[in-house]
Amino acid sequence: MGRRKYNWEAAKLKYVQGIVNEEGKRVFPTLEEIAKELGCHVGLVYRRAAKEKWTFERELFLRKLEEEHKRKRIEKVSKDLSQIEDRVTQGLKFATAQLTKHIADRANRGEDFSLSEIETIVRIFSRIQQATNLLLGKPTHIVQSFDKDVKQVIKDRETAIAIITAVRQVINKKALTKKGRHHE
């Protein structure tokens, strides 16, 4: 009787890479299960697996699977963070635009700001800047320092009025420049 031929390549592949079952999960057969499938003595499979380092190759394969899984998770988290970052950036831009519009509208109507309103506006701009810096990975202590400096500068109402006047002048100059462009 001649020697029986076994499909060692298929057996090795099944042992090293496993098979994906009906549930979509990868399962790894034992050497005993491989021997049973091949219809040969388990000792023959153990010798062949040891000689060709099937277990080592399985470990390498599992590491590659894990690395690929990690890479995909990182990509997903990175994509999710990018989307969150975009939404936050849009929100910050919107908040800044709305606050700037509010200040310009009040300045155009000639309304004064109280000291507490100015401090609130500065605090809001400061928080927006902090959020932007956090988003960009920049240090936020610079903004906190700016916030303290502004509070120090805006000690009294006279300084606040001077700032409002300066802001109005800048806004009026921009408005005049825009009007001048439209008439040309």
N, C-alpha and C. Protein backbone atom coordinates (compact mmCIF):
# COMPACT_ATOMS: atom_id res chain seq x y z
N MET A 1 0.84 -1.16 0.00
CA MET A 1 0.00 0.00 0.00
C MET A 1 0.89 1.24 0.00
N GLY A 2 0.60 2.24 -0.86
CA GLY A 2 1.42 3.45 -0.97
C GLY A 2 1.11 4.45 0.13
N ARG A 3 1.99 5.41 0.23
CA ARG A 3 1.78 6.46 1.25
C ARG A 3 0.62 7.34 0.84
N ARG A 4 -0.15 7.72 1.82
CA ARG A 4 -1.29 8.59 1.59
C ARG A 4 -0.81 10.02 1.47
N LYS A 5 -1.39 10.76 0.55
CA LYS A 5 -1.03 12.17 0.40
C LYS A 5 -2.07 13.02 1.11
N TYR A 6 -1.56 13.97 1.89
CA TYR A 6 -2.43 14.89 2.61
C TYR A 6 -2.21 16.30 2.07
N ASN A 7 -3.24 17.09 2.14
CA ASN A 7 -3.14 18.48 1.69
C ASN A 7 -2.58 19.30 2.85
N TRP A 8 -1.26 19.25 2.98
CA TRP A 8 -0.59 19.92 4.10
C TRP A 8 -0.71 21.45 4.01
N GLU A 9 -0.69 21.98 2.79
CA GLU A 9 -0.80 23.44 2.64
C GLU A 9 -2.13 23.94 3.19
N ALA A 10 -3.21 23.26 2.83
CA ALA A 10 -4.54 23.66 3.32
C ALA A 10 -4.64 23.48 4.83
N ALA A 11 -4.06 22.38 5.33
CA ALA A 11 -4.09 22.12 6.78
C ALA A 11 -3.34 23.21 7.54
N LYS A 12 -2.15 23.55 7.02
CA LYS A 12 -1.33 24.58 7.66
C LYS A 12 -2.06 25.93 7.63
N LEU A 13 -2.62 26.27 6.47
CA LEU A 13 -3.34 27.53 6.33
C LEU A 13 -4.50 27.61 7.31
N LYS A 14 -5.25 26.52 7.43
CA LYS A 14 -6.39 26.48 8.36
C LYS A 14 -5.91 26.64 9.80
N TYR A 15 -4.81 25.98 10.15
CA TYR A 15 -4.28 26.07 11.51
C TYR A 15 -3.74 27.47 11.79
N VAL A 16 -2.96 28.01 10.86
CA VAL A 16 -2.30 29.31 11.08
C VAL A 16 -3.30 30.46 11.05
N GLN A 17 -4.18 30.49 10.04
CA GLN A 17 -5.07 31.63 9.86
C GLN A 17 -6.48 31.39 10.38
N GLY A 18 -6.76 30.14 10.73
CA GLY A 18 -8.10 29.84 11.22
C GLY A 18 -9.12 29.93 10.10
N ILE A 19 -10.38 29.82 10.49
CA ILE A 19 -11.46 29.95 9.52
C ILE A 19 -12.52 30.87 10.12
N VAL A 20 -13.23 31.56 9.27
CA VAL A 20 -14.31 32.44 9.72
C VAL A 20 -15.60 31.63 9.69
N ASN A 21 -16.23 31.52 10.87
CA ASN A 21 -17.46 30.71 10.97
C ASN A 21 -18.68 31.50 10.48
N GLU A 22 -19.85 30.88 10.59
CA GLU A 22 -21.11 31.48 10.12
C GLU A 22 -21.42 32.80 10.83
N GLU A 23 -20.95 32.94 12.05
CA GLU A 23 -21.21 34.15 12.83
C GLU A 23 -20.22 35.27 12.51
N GLY A 24 -19.29 34.98 11.61
CA GLY A 24 -18.31 35.98 11.23
C GLY A 24 -17.11 36.05 12.16
N LYS A 25 -16.99 35.07 13.05
CA LYS A 25 -15.86 35.05 13.99
C LYS A 25 -14.79 34.08 13.48
N ARG A 26 -13.55 34.48 13.69
CA ARG A 26 -12.43 33.63 13.29
C ARG A 26 -12.17 32.62 14.41
N VAL A 27 -12.15 31.34 14.03
CA VAL A 27 -11.86 30.27 14.99
C VAL A 27 -10.62 29.51 14.51
N PHE A 28 -9.85 29.04 15.48
CA PHE A 28 -8.60 28.36 15.17
C PHE A 28 -8.69 26.91 15.63
N PRO A 29 -8.59 25.99 14.67
CA PRO A 29 -8.67 24.57 15.06
C PRO A 29 -7.38 24.12 15.76
N THR A 30 -7.53 23.10 16.56
CA THR A 30 -6.36 22.51 17.23
C THR A 30 -5.68 21.56 16.26
N LEU A 31 -4.48 21.14 16.61
CA LEU A 31 -3.77 20.16 15.78
C LEU A 31 -4.52 18.84 15.76
N GLU A 32 -5.19 18.51 16.85
CA GLU A 32 -5.98 17.28 16.91
C GLU A 32 -7.14 17.35 15.91
N GLU A 33 -7.79 18.52 15.83
CA GLU A 33 -8.90 18.68 14.88
C GLU A 33 -8.39 18.61 13.43
N ILE A 34 -7.21 19.17 13.19
CA ILE A 34 -6.61 19.09 11.85
C ILE A 34 -6.33 17.63 11.50
N ALA A 35 -5.78 16.87 12.45
CA ALA A 35 -5.47 15.44 12.21
C ALA A 35 -6.75 14.68 11.90
N LYS A 36 -7.79 14.95 12.63
CA LYS A 36 -9.07 14.26 12.42
C LYS A 36 -9.61 14.58 11.03
N GLU A 37 -9.53 15.85 10.63
CA GLU A 37 -9.99 16.26 9.30
C GLU A 37 -9.18 15.58 8.20
N LEU A 38 -7.87 15.52 8.40
CA LEU A 38 -7.00 14.90 7.39
C LEU A 38 -7.16 13.38 7.36
N GLY A 39 -7.61 12.84 8.48
CA GLY A 39 -7.74 11.39 8.58
C GLY A 39 -6.41 10.71 8.81
N CYS A 40 -5.55 11.36 9.59
CA CYS A 40 -4.23 10.78 9.86
C CYS A 40 -3.97 10.80 11.37
N HIS A 41 -2.89 10.17 11.76
CA HIS A 41 -2.50 10.11 13.17
C HIS A 41 -2.10 11.51 13.64
N VAL A 42 -2.49 11.87 14.84
CA VAL A 42 -2.21 13.19 15.39
C VAL A 42 -0.70 13.44 15.52
N GLY A 43 0.07 12.39 15.77
CA GLY A 43 1.52 12.53 15.89
C GLY A 43 2.15 13.03 14.60
N LEU A 44 1.61 12.58 13.47
CA LEU A 44 2.10 13.02 12.18
C LEU A 44 1.88 14.53 11.99
N VAL A 45 0.72 15.01 12.42
CA VAL A 45 0.40 16.44 12.32
C VAL A 45 1.30 17.24 13.26
N TYR A 46 1.52 16.74 14.48
CA TYR A 46 2.38 17.44 15.44
C TYR A 46 3.81 17.57 14.89
N ARG A 47 4.32 16.47 14.32
CA ARG A 47 5.68 16.53 13.76
C ARG A 47 5.77 17.54 12.61
N ARG A 48 4.79 17.49 11.72
CA ARG A 48 4.78 18.41 10.56
C ARG A 48 4.67 19.85 11.04
N ALA A 49 3.79 20.11 12.00
CA ALA A 49 3.58 21.46 12.53
C ALA A 49 4.84 21.98 13.22
N ALA A 50 5.53 21.12 13.97
CA ALA A 50 6.77 21.52 14.65
C ALA A 50 7.86 21.81 13.63
N LYS A 51 7.98 20.94 12.63
CA LYS A 51 9.02 21.10 11.60
C LYS A 51 8.82 22.42 10.84
N GLU A 52 7.56 22.76 10.51
CA GLU A 52 7.27 23.96 9.71
C GLU A 52 6.89 25.18 10.56
N LYS A 53 6.96 25.02 11.89
CA LYS A 53 6.70 26.13 12.83
C LYS A 53 5.31 26.76 12.65
N TRP A 54 4.30 25.92 12.61
CA TRP A 54 2.93 26.40 12.43
C TRP A 54 2.49 27.29 13.59
N THR A 55 2.85 26.91 14.80
CA THR A 55 2.42 27.69 15.97
C THR A 55 3.04 29.08 15.95
N PHE A 56 4.29 29.16 15.60
CA PHE A 56 4.97 30.45 15.49
C PHE A 56 4.30 31.32 14.42
N GLU A 57 3.98 30.70 13.28
CA GLU A 57 3.33 31.44 12.21
C GLU A 57 1.93 31.90 12.63
N ARG A 58 1.24 31.06 13.42
CA ARG A 58 -0.08 31.47 13.93
C ARG A 58 0.07 32.68 14.82
N GLU A 59 1.07 32.69 15.70
CA GLU A 59 1.31 33.83 16.59
C GLU A 59 1.59 35.11 15.78
N LEU A 60 2.41 34.97 14.73
CA LEU A 60 2.67 36.12 13.86
C LEU A 60 1.39 36.61 13.20
N PHE A 61 0.60 35.67 12.72
CA PHE A 61 -0.67 36.01 12.07
C PHE A 61 -1.59 36.74 13.04
N LEU A 62 -1.68 36.23 14.27
CA LEU A 62 -2.54 36.86 15.29
C LEU A 62 -2.06 38.28 15.62
N ARG A 63 -0.73 38.46 15.68
CA ARG A 63 -0.19 39.81 15.92
C ARG A 63 -0.57 40.76 14.79
N LYS A 64 -0.46 40.26 13.55
CA LYS A 64 -0.83 41.10 12.40
C LYS A 64 -2.31 41.45 12.44
N LEU A 65 -3.14 40.46 12.79
CA LEU A 65 -4.58 40.73 12.92
C LEU A 65 -4.84 41.80 13.97
N GLU A 66 -4.18 41.68 15.12
CA GLU A 66 -4.35 42.65 16.21
C GLU A 66 -3.88 44.03 15.78
N GLU A 67 -2.74 44.09 15.09
CA GLU A 67 -2.22 45.38 14.61
C GLU A 67 -3.19 46.01 13.62
N GLU A 68 -3.73 45.20 12.74
CA GLU A 68 -4.70 45.70 11.77
C GLU A 68 -5.97 46.20 12.47
N HIS A 69 -6.40 45.44 13.47
CA HIS A 69 -7.58 45.84 14.25
C HIS A 69 -7.33 47.17 14.96
N LYS A 70 -6.15 47.32 15.57
CA LYS A 70 -5.79 48.57 16.24
C LYS A 70 -5.73 49.72 15.25
N ARG A 71 -5.13 49.46 14.08
CA ARG A 71 -5.02 50.50 13.05
C ARG A 71 -6.40 50.99 12.62
N LYS A 72 -7.33 50.04 12.43
CA LYS A 72 -8.69 50.41 12.03
C LYS A 72 -9.40 51.19 13.12
N ARG A 73 -9.19 50.78 14.38
CA ARG A 73 -9.81 51.52 15.50
C ARG A 73 -9.25 52.92 15.56
N ILE A 74 -7.93 53.06 15.41
CA ILE A 74 -7.29 54.38 15.43
C ILE A 74 -7.83 55.24 14.30
N GLU A 75 -7.96 54.66 13.11
CA GLU A 75 -8.51 55.41 11.98
C GLU A 75 -9.92 55.89 12.28
N LYS A 76 -10.74 55.00 12.87
CA LYS A 76 -12.13 55.37 13.19
C LYS A 76 -12.16 56.48 14.24
N VAL A 77 -11.39 56.31 15.29
CA VAL A 77 -11.35 57.33 16.34
C VAL A 77 -10.83 58.65 15.77
N SER A 78 -9.81 58.56 14.94
CA SER A 78 -9.25 59.76 14.32
C SER A 78 -10.29 60.46 13.45
N LYS A 79 -11.03 59.68 12.67
CA LYS A 79 -12.08 60.25 11.82
C LYS A 79 -13.17 60.88 12.69
N ASP A 80 -13.58 60.18 13.75
CA ASP A 80 -14.60 60.72 14.66
C ASP A 80 -14.12 62.02 15.30
N LEU A 81 -12.87 62.02 15.77
CA LEU A 81 -12.32 63.23 16.39
C LEU A 81 -12.24 64.38 15.39
N SER A 82 -11.90 64.06 14.16
CA SER A 82 -11.82 65.08 13.12
C SER A 82 -13.20 65.70 12.88
N GLN A 83 -14.23 64.86 12.86
CA GLN A 83 -15.59 65.36 12.68
C GLN A 83 -16.02 66.22 13.87
N ILE A 84 -15.69 65.78 15.07
CA ILE A 84 -16.01 66.55 16.27
C ILE A 84 -15.26 67.88 16.22
N GLU A 85 -14.00 67.82 15.85
CA GLU A 85 -13.17 69.02 15.74
C GLU A 85 -13.80 70.01 14.76
N ASP A 86 -14.26 69.50 13.61
CA ASP A 86 -14.89 70.36 12.61
C ASP A 86 -16.16 71.01 13.17
N ARG A 87 -16.96 70.23 13.87
CA ARG A 87 -18.21 70.77 14.45
C ARG A 87 -17.90 71.82 15.51
N VAL A 88 -16.92 71.53 16.36
CA VAL A 88 -16.56 72.49 17.40
C VAL A 88 -16.02 73.77 16.77
N THR A 89 -15.17 73.62 15.75
CA THR A 89 -14.62 74.79 15.06
C THR A 89 -15.73 75.62 14.45
N GLN A 90 -16.69 74.96 13.81
CA GLN A 90 -17.83 75.68 13.25
C GLN A 90 -18.61 76.40 14.33
N GLY A 91 -18.81 75.73 15.46
CA GLY A 91 -19.52 76.35 16.58
C GLY A 91 -18.78 77.56 17.13
N LEU A 92 -17.46 77.43 17.25
CA LEU A 92 -16.66 78.54 17.75
C LEU A 92 -16.70 79.72 16.79
N LYS A 93 -16.63 79.44 15.50
CA LYS A 93 -16.70 80.51 14.50
C LYS A 93 -18.06 81.20 14.56
N PHE A 94 -19.12 80.39 14.69
CA PHE A 94 -20.46 80.95 14.78
C PHE A 94 -20.59 81.82 16.02
N ALA A 95 -20.11 81.32 17.16
CA ALA A 95 -20.20 82.09 18.42
C ALA A 95 -19.43 83.40 18.31
N THR A 96 -18.25 83.33 17.73
CA THR A 96 -17.44 84.54 17.55
C THR A 96 -18.15 85.52 16.63
N ALA A 97 -18.71 85.04 15.54
CA ALA A 97 -19.42 85.92 14.60
C ALA A 97 -20.64 86.56 15.27
N GLN A 98 -21.39 85.77 16.02
CA GLN A 98 -22.58 86.30 16.69
C GLN A 98 -22.20 87.35 17.72
N LEU A 99 -21.17 87.09 18.50
CA LEU A 99 -20.74 88.04 19.52
C LEU A 99 -20.20 89.32 18.88
N THR A 100 -19.42 89.15 17.83
CA THR A 100 -18.89 90.31 17.12
C THR A 100 -20.02 91.14 16.53
N LYS A 101 -21.02 90.48 15.96
CA LYS A 101 -22.18 91.17 15.38
C LYS A 101 -22.92 91.94 16.47
N HIS A 102 -23.12 91.31 17.60
CA HIS A 102 -23.81 91.95 18.72
C HIS A 102 -23.07 93.21 19.17
N ILE A 103 -21.76 93.09 19.29
CA ILE A 103 -20.95 94.25 19.71
C ILE A 103 -21.05 95.36 18.66
N ALA A 104 -20.94 95.00 17.40
CA ALA A 104 -21.00 96.00 16.32
C ALA A 104 -22.38 96.65 16.27
N ASP A 105 -23.44 95.87 16.41
CA ASP A 105 -24.79 96.43 16.40
C ASP A 105 -24.98 97.45 17.52
N ARG A 106 -24.56 97.09 18.71
CA ARG A 106 -24.69 98.02 19.84
C ARG A 106 -23.83 99.26 19.64
N ALA A 107 -22.63 99.07 19.14
CA ALA A 107 -21.74 100.21 18.90
C ALA A 107 -22.34 101.13 17.82
N ASN A 108 -22.92 100.55 16.77
CA ASN A 108 -23.54 101.35 15.70
C ASN A 108 -24.75 102.13 16.20
N ARG A 109 -25.44 101.60 17.19
CA ARG A 109 -26.58 102.31 17.78
C ARG A 109 -26.13 103.33 18.81
N GLY A 110 -24.84 103.34 19.10
CA GLY A 110 -24.30 104.30 20.06
C GLY A 110 -24.53 103.90 21.50
N GLU A 111 -24.80 102.63 21.75
CA GLU A 111 -25.04 102.17 23.12
C GLU A 111 -23.72 101.88 23.81
N ASP A 112 -23.64 102.26 25.06
CA ASP A 112 -22.45 101.98 25.85
C ASP A 112 -22.55 100.59 26.46
N PHE A 113 -21.40 100.06 26.81
CA PHE A 113 -21.32 98.77 27.50
C PHE A 113 -20.94 99.04 28.95
N SER A 114 -21.56 98.30 29.85
CA SER A 114 -21.16 98.42 31.25
C SER A 114 -19.86 97.66 31.44
N LEU A 115 -19.20 97.94 32.54
CA LEU A 115 -17.95 97.25 32.85
C LEU A 115 -18.16 95.74 32.92
N SER A 116 -19.25 95.32 33.54
CA SER A 116 -19.52 93.88 33.65
C SER A 116 -19.79 93.26 32.27
N GLU A 117 -20.43 94.01 31.37
CA GLU A 117 -20.65 93.50 30.02
C GLU A 117 -19.33 93.32 29.28
N ILE A 118 -18.45 94.29 29.44
CA ILE A 118 -17.14 94.21 28.79
C ILE A 118 -16.37 93.02 29.34
N GLU A 119 -16.39 92.85 30.65
CA GLU A 119 -15.69 91.71 31.24
C GLU A 119 -16.28 90.39 30.74
N THR A 120 -17.62 90.34 30.61
CA THR A 120 -18.28 89.14 30.11
C THR A 120 -17.86 88.86 28.67
N ILE A 121 -17.83 89.91 27.84
CA ILE A 121 -17.43 89.75 26.44
C ILE A 121 -15.99 89.26 26.36
N VAL A 122 -15.12 89.87 27.15
CA VAL A 122 -13.71 89.44 27.16
C VAL A 122 -13.61 87.99 27.60
N ARG A 123 -14.38 87.63 28.62
CA ARG A 123 -14.36 86.25 29.13
C ARG A 123 -14.84 85.27 28.05
N ILE A 124 -15.89 85.66 27.32
CA ILE A 124 -16.40 84.79 26.26
C ILE A 124 -15.36 84.61 25.17
N PHE A 125 -14.77 85.73 24.70
CA PHE A 125 -13.73 85.63 23.68
C PHE A 125 -12.55 84.80 24.20
N SER A 126 -12.24 84.98 25.46
CA SER A 126 -11.14 84.22 26.06
C SER A 126 -11.44 82.73 26.05
N ARG A 127 -12.68 82.36 26.39
CA ARG A 127 -13.07 80.94 26.40
C ARG A 127 -13.06 80.36 24.98
N ILE A 128 -13.52 81.17 24.03
CA ILE A 128 -13.49 80.71 22.64
C ILE A 128 -12.04 80.47 22.22
N GLN A 129 -11.16 81.39 22.60
CA GLN A 129 -9.75 81.23 22.25
C GLN A 129 -9.15 80.01 22.95
N GLN A 130 -9.53 79.77 24.20
CA GLN A 130 -9.05 78.58 24.91
C GLN A 130 -9.50 77.32 24.20
N ALA A 131 -10.77 77.27 23.83
CA ALA A 131 -11.30 76.09 23.14
C ALA A 131 -10.57 75.88 21.81
N THR A 132 -10.33 76.96 21.09
CA THR A 132 -9.61 76.87 19.83
C THR A 132 -8.20 76.34 20.06
N ASN A 133 -7.53 76.88 21.07
CA ASN A 133 -6.17 76.42 21.38
C ASN A 133 -6.15 74.95 21.76
N LEU A 134 -7.11 74.53 22.56
CA LEU A 134 -7.20 73.11 22.94
C LEU A 134 -7.37 72.25 21.70
N LEU A 135 -8.23 72.70 20.79
CA LEU A 135 -8.48 71.98 19.56
C LEU A 135 -7.22 71.84 18.73
N LEU A 136 -6.42 72.89 18.71
CA LEU A 136 -5.20 72.90 17.90
C LEU A 136 -4.00 72.34 18.64
N GLY A 137 -4.21 71.95 19.91
CA GLY A 137 -3.12 71.39 20.69
C GLY A 137 -2.14 72.43 21.19
N LYS A 138 -2.60 73.68 21.24
CA LYS A 138 -1.73 74.75 21.74
C LYS A 138 -1.98 74.95 23.23
N PRO A 139 -1.01 75.53 23.93
CA PRO A 139 -1.20 75.75 25.37
C PRO A 139 -2.30 76.79 25.61
N THR A 140 -3.09 76.55 26.66
CA THR A 140 -4.19 77.47 26.98
C THR A 140 -3.79 78.49 28.03
N HIS A 141 -2.64 78.30 28.67
CA HIS A 141 -2.25 79.24 29.72
C HIS A 141 -2.02 80.64 29.16
N ILE A 142 -1.71 80.74 27.87
CA ILE A 142 -1.50 82.05 27.25
C ILE A 142 -2.81 82.83 27.29
N VAL A 143 -3.91 82.16 26.97
CA VAL A 143 -5.22 82.82 26.98
C VAL A 143 -5.61 83.19 28.40
N GLN A 144 -5.35 82.31 29.35
CA GLN A 144 -5.68 82.62 30.74
C GLN A 144 -4.88 83.83 31.20
N SER A 145 -3.64 83.92 30.79
CA SER A 145 -2.81 85.07 31.13
C SER A 145 -3.39 86.33 30.49
N PHE A 146 -3.83 86.23 29.23
CA PHE A 146 -4.44 87.36 28.54
C PHE A 146 -5.69 87.81 29.28
N ASP A 147 -6.50 86.83 29.70
CA ASP A 147 -7.73 87.12 30.43
C ASP A 147 -7.43 87.91 31.70
N LYS A 148 -6.41 87.51 32.44
CA LYS A 148 -6.02 88.22 33.66
C LYS A 148 -5.52 89.62 33.34
N ASP A 149 -4.73 89.73 32.25
CA ASP A 149 -4.22 91.04 31.86
C ASP A 149 -5.36 91.99 31.49
N VAL A 150 -6.35 91.47 30.76
CA VAL A 150 -7.48 92.30 30.37
C VAL A 150 -8.24 92.77 31.60
N LYS A 151 -8.46 91.87 32.55
CA LYS A 151 -9.17 92.25 33.77
C LYS A 151 -8.40 93.33 34.53
N GLN A 152 -7.08 93.22 34.49
CA GLN A 152 -6.25 94.22 35.16
C GLN A 152 -6.39 95.57 34.47
N VAL A 153 -6.39 95.55 33.14
CA VAL A 153 -6.49 96.80 32.38
C VAL A 153 -7.86 97.44 32.57
N ILE A 154 -8.90 96.62 32.56
CA ILE A 154 -10.26 97.15 32.69
C ILE A 154 -10.61 97.24 34.17
N LYS A 155 -9.97 98.12 34.84
CA LYS A 155 -10.23 98.30 36.27
C LYS A 155 -11.37 99.26 36.49
N ASP A 156 -11.41 100.27 35.68
CA ASP A 156 -12.43 101.28 35.94
C ASP A 156 -13.23 101.58 34.68
N ARG A 157 -14.29 102.26 34.86
CA ARG A 157 -15.22 102.57 33.78
C ARG A 157 -14.58 103.45 32.71
N GLU A 158 -13.70 104.35 33.09
CA GLU A 158 -13.07 105.25 32.11
C GLU A 158 -12.25 104.46 31.09
N THR A 159 -11.52 103.47 31.57
CA THR A 159 -10.75 102.64 30.65
C THR A 159 -11.69 101.88 29.73
N ALA A 160 -12.79 101.38 30.30
CA ALA A 160 -13.77 100.65 29.50
C ALA A 160 -14.35 101.55 28.42
N ILE A 161 -14.68 102.78 28.77
CA ILE A 161 -15.25 103.71 27.79
C ILE A 161 -14.24 104.01 26.70
N ALA A 162 -12.99 104.14 27.05
CA ALA A 162 -11.94 104.40 26.06
C ALA A 162 -11.83 103.23 25.09
N ILE A 163 -11.95 102.01 25.60
CA ILE A 163 -11.89 100.83 24.75
C ILE A 163 -13.10 100.80 23.81
N ILE A 164 -14.27 101.09 24.34
CA ILE A 164 -15.49 101.11 23.52
C ILE A 164 -15.36 102.16 22.42
N THR A 165 -14.86 103.31 22.77
CA THR A 165 -14.68 104.37 21.78
C THR A 165 -13.73 103.92 20.68
N ALA A 166 -12.66 103.28 21.06
CA ALA A 166 -11.69 102.80 20.07
C ALA A 166 -12.33 101.74 19.17
N VAL A 167 -13.11 100.85 19.76
CA VAL A 167 -13.79 99.81 18.98
C VAL A 167 -14.76 100.45 18.01
N ARG A 168 -15.52 101.44 18.49
CA ARG A 168 -16.47 102.16 17.63
C ARG A 168 -15.75 102.82 16.46
N GLN A 169 -14.62 103.43 16.74
CA GLN A 169 -13.87 104.10 15.68
C GLN A 169 -13.42 103.11 14.61
N VAL A 170 -12.94 101.96 15.06
CA VAL A 170 -12.53 100.93 14.11
C VAL A 170 -13.72 100.46 13.29
N ILE A 171 -14.84 100.22 13.95
CA ILE A 171 -16.05 99.76 13.25
C ILE A 171 -16.53 100.83 12.28
N ASN A 172 -16.55 102.08 12.72
CA ASN A 172 -17.00 103.18 11.85
C ASN A 172 -16.08 103.33 10.65
N LYS A 173 -14.77 103.21 10.86
CA LYS A 173 -13.83 103.31 9.74
C LYS A 173 -14.09 102.20 8.72
N LYS A 174 -14.34 100.98 9.23
CA LYS A 174 -14.63 99.86 8.34
C LYS A 174 -15.92 100.11 7.59
N ALA A 175 -16.95 100.62 8.30
CA ALA A 175 -18.23 100.89 7.66
C ALA A 175 -18.08 101.97 6.60
N LEU A 176 -17.33 103.02 6.89
CA LEU A 176 -17.12 104.09 5.92
C LEU A 176 -16.35 103.57 4.71
N THR A 177 -15.36 102.74 4.96
CA THR A 177 -14.57 102.16 3.87
C THR A 177 -15.46 101.32 2.97
N LYS A 178 -16.34 100.51 3.58
CA LYS A 178 -17.26 99.66 2.80
C LYS A 178 -18.21 100.52 1.99
N LYS A 179 -18.77 101.60 2.62
CA LYS A 179 -19.69 102.50 1.91
C LYS A 179 -19.00 103.17 0.76
N GLY A 180 -17.75 103.59 0.99
CA GLY A 180 -16.98 104.26 -0.05
C GLY A 180 -16.76 103.34 -1.24
N ARG A 181 -16.57 102.08 -0.99
CA ARG A 181 -16.36 101.10 -2.07
C ARG A 181 -17.63 100.89 -2.87
N HIS A 182 -18.78 100.90 -2.18
CA HIS A 182 -20.05 100.67 -2.85
C HIS A 182 -20.42 101.83 -3.78
N HIS A 183 -20.02 103.05 -3.43
CA HIS A 183 -20.38 104.24 -4.21
C HIS A 183 -19.49 104.43 -5.42
N GLU A 184 -18.37 103.77 -5.45
CA GLU A 184 -17.43 103.93 -6.58
C GLU A 184 -17.86 103.18 -7.79
